[in-house]
Amino acid sequence: MKIQIKDCFLNGEPACDVRITHPGATVQDYLDALNNFIRENCPPCNGCTACCWERVPLTYPDVAVFLKDRRFGRQFKGVPSALLSFLQQYGYVYVDGPVVDIGLGFKADGSCIFLDTRQNRCSVYPLRPLVCQTYICRRFTRRARELRSLVVNAGMDELVRRWLLESSRCGRPPLIHEGRHPRPRLQDYPPGAFSGRERFAEVRLKEICPPRLWREMYAVPVNGRDRIDSQLKGE
């Protein structure tokens, strides 16, 4: 595998760390490794909805996955913009001045729009966004937290860019569910690592990580729990 998720301890509590073992590792490699780690090291979470009440930021590939699914593809077939229609029905766009935040929508009780409250299960589990896939009931090391944040932010920036471009193409104001003096500008969201890419497998982590973080995750060996606990104590 191009990425290893390492079991470790932080201040005596179970945690996990990330080590990149191949320079071509992608966001999909990261997701695959983390999902494998969760299956092998974490208790089953069937019926637990803890993560379904959190804010769920969306990335552009997240929305692309939904739109390629047969159910959603049929629903938005023939509309001027499938992306804008999806966000209108299932997303929540909040704009504060020039800052844009796009996430999944939520119900009146605050739960995720896709939570089946009768069965306490996600109704779109195979399609769940990156943030949901990387939610884990244990601590992350500092660099693992930083990596997750960078990936989410870069992916959302591309979604915001597409949201603005699609709005302009359709000749309509950007869809906003809630705003405070909204003034989103395309120049604030230039092309980045996710631009022109609809799949996580096309996005290399090295294009997202600053050099310092890349050196930490790619070059620093992880030699066991005790060493990690000592190295990362207090994070």
Protein backbone atom coordinates (compact mmCIF):
# COMPACT_ATOMS: atom_id res chain seq x y z
CA MET A 1 0.00 0.00 0.00
CA LYS A 2 1.12 3.53 -0.71
CA ILE A 3 -0.12 4.78 2.65
CA GLN A 4 0.01 3.21 6.10
CA ILE A 5 -2.28 4.17 8.95
CA LYS A 6 -0.40 3.37 12.14
CA ASP A 7 -1.94 2.41 15.44
CA CYS A 8 -0.35 4.50 18.20
CA PHE A 9 -0.95 6.19 21.54
CA LEU A 10 -1.14 9.86 22.48
CA ASN A 11 -0.87 10.52 26.20
CA GLY A 12 -1.86 6.93 26.82
CA GLU A 13 -4.99 7.04 24.64
CA PRO A 14 -5.47 5.11 21.36
CA ALA A 15 -4.71 7.21 18.30
CA CYS A 16 -3.61 6.82 14.71
CA ASP A 17 -0.89 8.33 12.56
CA VAL A 18 -0.31 8.51 8.80
CA ARG A 19 2.81 7.46 6.92
CA ILE A 20 3.13 7.88 3.16
CA THR A 21 5.29 5.17 1.57
CA HIS A 22 5.02 6.09 -2.12
CA PRO A 23 5.53 9.51 -3.74
CA GLY A 24 2.55 8.95 -6.02
CA ALA A 25 0.07 8.34 -3.20
CA THR A 26 -3.36 9.81 -3.91
CA VAL A 27 -6.32 10.92 -1.85
CA GLN A 28 -8.01 7.63 -2.78
CA ASP A 29 -5.01 5.71 -1.39
CA TYR A 30 -5.45 7.66 1.83
CA LEU A 31 -9.16 6.83 2.00
CA ASP A 32 -8.55 3.15 1.25
CA ALA A 33 -5.89 2.89 3.95
CA LEU A 34 -8.01 4.65 6.55
CA ASN A 35 -11.11 2.58 5.77
CA ASN A 36 -9.03 -0.60 6.10
CA PHE A 37 -7.65 0.62 9.41
CA ILE A 38 -11.14 1.36 10.72
CA ARG A 39 -12.38 -2.11 9.74
CA GLU A 40 -9.43 -3.84 11.40
CA ASN A 41 -8.90 -1.73 14.52
CA CYS A 42 -12.15 -0.04 15.49
CA PRO A 43 -15.30 -1.62 16.95
CA PRO A 44 -18.32 -1.86 14.62
CA CYS A 45 -20.35 1.34 14.57
CA ASN A 46 -23.63 -0.04 13.25
CA GLY A 47 -26.43 2.01 14.76
CA CYS A 48 -24.08 4.74 16.01
CA THR A 49 -24.97 8.11 14.50
CA ALA A 50 -22.37 10.28 16.27
CA CYS A 51 -20.87 11.52 13.00
CA CYS A 52 -24.30 12.12 11.43
CA TRP A 53 -24.92 15.20 13.57
CA GLU A 54 -21.67 16.93 12.64
CA ARG A 55 -21.13 19.49 9.90
CA VAL A 56 -20.20 17.63 6.69
CA PRO A 57 -18.03 19.75 4.37
CA LEU A 58 -18.19 18.66 0.73
CA THR A 59 -15.40 18.39 -1.82
CA TYR A 60 -15.87 18.45 -5.57
CA PRO A 61 -15.19 14.70 -6.01
CA ASP A 62 -17.80 14.00 -3.32
CA VAL A 63 -20.47 15.67 -5.43
CA ALA A 64 -19.15 13.99 -8.59
CA VAL A 65 -19.61 10.59 -6.92
CA PHE A 66 -23.24 11.39 -6.15
CA LEU A 67 -23.95 12.63 -9.66
CA LYS A 68 -22.45 9.50 -11.24
CA ASP A 69 -24.71 7.29 -9.15
CA ARG A 70 -27.74 5.97 -11.03
CA ARG A 71 -30.27 7.33 -8.55
CA PHE A 72 -28.98 10.88 -8.55
CA GLY A 73 -28.07 10.78 -12.22
CA ARG A 74 -31.69 10.06 -13.11
CA GLN A 75 -32.96 12.69 -10.71
CA PHE A 76 -30.93 15.49 -12.28
CA LYS A 77 -30.96 14.33 -15.88
CA GLY A 78 -31.69 17.19 -18.27
CA VAL A 79 -31.36 20.03 -15.76
CA PRO A 80 -29.22 23.05 -16.75
CA SER A 81 -26.63 22.21 -14.07
CA ALA A 82 -26.65 18.91 -12.18
CA LEU A 83 -24.11 20.30 -9.71
CA LEU A 84 -26.20 23.34 -8.81
CA SER A 85 -29.38 21.28 -8.63
CA PHE A 86 -27.72 18.77 -6.31
CA LEU A 87 -26.47 21.53 -4.03
CA GLN A 88 -29.86 23.19 -4.00
CA GLN A 89 -31.62 20.01 -2.88
CA TYR A 90 -29.02 18.19 -0.81
CA GLY A 91 -26.39 20.77 0.06
CA TYR A 92 -26.11 23.86 2.25
CA VAL A 93 -24.19 26.87 0.98
CA TYR A 94 -23.18 29.42 3.60
CA VAL A 95 -21.41 32.61 2.57
CA ASP A 96 -19.89 35.10 4.99
CA GLY A 97 -18.50 38.01 2.99
CA PRO A 98 -16.04 36.45 0.53
CA VAL A 99 -15.80 33.15 2.44
CA VAL A 100 -17.86 30.22 1.15
CA ASP A 101 -18.63 27.00 3.01
CA ILE A 102 -20.45 24.18 1.21
CA GLY A 103 -21.64 21.13 3.11
CA LEU A 104 -24.36 18.53 3.10
CA GLY A 105 -27.80 19.74 4.03
CA PHE A 106 -29.46 18.81 7.29
CA LYS A 107 -32.92 18.12 8.66
CA ALA A 108 -34.89 20.25 11.10
CA ASP A 109 -33.50 18.23 14.01
CA GLY A 110 -29.93 18.96 12.89
CA SER A 111 -29.12 15.49 11.58
CA CYS A 112 -27.61 14.83 8.16
CA ILE A 113 -30.07 14.94 5.30
CA PHE A 114 -29.11 11.36 4.40
CA LEU A 115 -29.52 9.85 7.88
CA ASP A 116 -32.24 7.21 8.07
CA THR A 117 -33.38 7.92 11.63
CA ARG A 118 -35.63 4.87 11.78
CA GLN A 119 -32.71 2.49 11.33
CA ASN A 120 -29.95 4.83 12.55
CA ARG A 121 -28.04 4.24 9.33
CA CYS A 122 -26.68 6.30 6.48
CA SER A 123 -29.01 5.96 3.50
CA VAL A 124 -26.17 6.62 1.01
CA TYR A 125 -23.32 4.82 2.80
CA PRO A 126 -21.46 3.63 -0.34
CA LEU A 127 -21.48 7.25 -1.58
CA ARG A 128 -20.60 8.94 1.71
CA PRO A 129 -18.30 11.98 1.44
CA LEU A 130 -14.62 12.12 2.34
CA VAL A 131 -15.30 13.73 5.71
CA CYS A 132 -17.60 10.85 6.67
CA GLN A 133 -15.08 8.25 5.52
CA THR A 134 -12.33 9.84 7.59
CA TYR A 135 -14.38 10.24 10.77
CA ILE A 136 -12.94 7.91 13.37
CA CYS A 137 -13.62 7.58 17.09
CA ARG A 138 -10.02 7.97 18.15
CA ARG A 139 -7.50 10.77 18.14
CA PHE A 140 -5.34 11.74 15.17
CA THR A 141 -1.74 12.82 15.53
CA ARG A 142 -1.01 16.42 14.62
CA ARG A 143 0.20 15.59 11.14
CA ALA A 144 -2.76 13.25 10.53
CA ARG A 145 -5.15 16.04 11.53
CA GLU A 146 -3.33 18.50 9.32
CA LEU A 147 -3.43 16.18 6.32
CA ARG A 148 -7.18 15.62 6.66
CA SER A 149 -7.82 19.35 6.97
CA LEU A 150 -5.70 20.19 3.92
CA VAL A 151 -7.44 17.59 1.75
CA VAL A 152 -10.91 18.73 2.81
CA ASN A 153 -10.12 22.42 2.30
CA ALA A 154 -8.51 21.91 -1.11
CA GLY A 155 -11.42 19.76 -2.25
CA MET A 156 -14.01 22.26 -1.07
CA ASP A 157 -12.17 25.15 -2.70
CA GLU A 158 -12.55 23.34 -6.02
CA LEU A 159 -16.25 22.78 -5.33
CA VAL A 160 -16.68 26.49 -4.61
CA ARG A 161 -14.84 27.32 -7.82
CA ARG A 162 -17.14 25.00 -9.80
CA TRP A 163 -20.19 26.45 -8.03
CA LEU A 164 -19.20 29.94 -9.16
CA LEU A 165 -18.33 28.84 -12.70
CA GLU A 166 -21.57 26.90 -13.11
CA SER A 167 -23.61 29.80 -11.78
CA SER A 168 -21.97 32.12 -14.30
CA ARG A 169 -22.49 29.63 -17.13
CA CYS A 170 -26.18 29.33 -16.29
CA GLY A 171 -26.53 33.11 -16.06
CA ARG A 172 -27.86 33.15 -12.52
CA PRO A 173 -26.68 34.40 -9.12
CA PRO A 174 -24.84 31.79 -7.05
CA LEU A 175 -27.13 29.63 -4.94
CA ILE A 176 -26.87 30.67 -1.28
CA HIS A 177 -28.87 29.08 1.52
CA GLU A 178 -27.58 31.46 4.18
CA GLY A 179 -25.35 34.49 3.95
CA ARG A 180 -23.93 37.47 5.79
CA HIS A 181 -23.12 40.26 3.35
CA PRO A 182 -22.17 37.63 0.75
CA ARG A 183 -19.68 38.65 -1.90
CA PRO A 184 -18.04 35.48 -3.25
CA ARG A 185 -15.42 36.07 -5.94
CA LEU A 186 -13.95 33.59 -8.39
CA GLN A 187 -10.48 35.12 -8.05
CA ASP A 188 -10.43 34.00 -4.41
CA TYR A 189 -10.70 30.37 -5.57
CA PRO A 190 -7.98 29.78 -8.18
CA PRO A 191 -7.34 26.34 -9.72
CA GLY A 192 -5.55 23.93 -7.39
CA ALA A 193 -4.72 20.25 -6.88
CA PHE A 194 -8.34 19.17 -7.45
CA SER A 195 -8.91 21.26 -10.58
CA GLY A 196 -9.94 19.25 -13.63
CA ARG A 197 -10.26 16.09 -11.55
CA GLU A 198 -13.44 14.34 -10.53
CA ARG A 199 -11.95 11.33 -8.75
CA PHE A 200 -9.89 11.17 -5.58
CA ALA A 201 -7.59 8.71 -7.37
CA GLU A 202 -6.49 11.55 -9.66
CA VAL A 203 -5.34 13.85 -6.84
CA ARG A 204 -1.84 13.29 -5.47
CA LEU A 205 -1.24 14.13 -1.84
CA LYS A 206 2.12 15.67 -2.68
CA GLU A 207 0.27 18.38 -4.64
CA ILE A 208 -1.74 19.27 -1.53
CA CYS A 209 0.83 19.00 1.26
CA PRO A 210 3.27 21.80 2.05
CA PRO A 211 6.90 20.60 1.92
CA ARG A 212 7.26 20.46 5.70
CA LEU A 213 4.28 18.16 6.19
CA TRP A 214 5.27 15.99 3.24
CA ARG A 215 8.75 15.46 4.69
CA GLU A 216 7.27 14.50 8.05
CA MET A 217 4.89 11.92 6.65
CA TYR A 218 7.03 10.54 3.84
CA ALA A 219 10.49 10.52 5.36
CA VAL A 220 9.99 10.00 9.09
CA PRO A 221 9.88 6.29 9.99
CA VAL A 222 7.30 5.03 12.44
CA ASN A 223 8.83 2.34 14.63
CA GLY A 224 6.21 1.42 17.14
CA ARG A 225 3.77 2.75 19.63
CA ASP A 226 6.22 3.77 22.32
CA ARG A 227 8.29 5.88 19.96
CA ILE A 228 5.22 7.56 18.49
CA ASP A 229 3.78 8.22 21.92
CA SER A 230 7.02 9.86 22.99
CA GLN A 231 7.44 11.81 19.76
CA LEU A 232 3.88 13.11 19.65
CA LYS A 233 3.11 13.44 23.34
CA GLY A 234 0.84 16.35 24.10
CA GLU A 235 -0.50 16.86 20.58
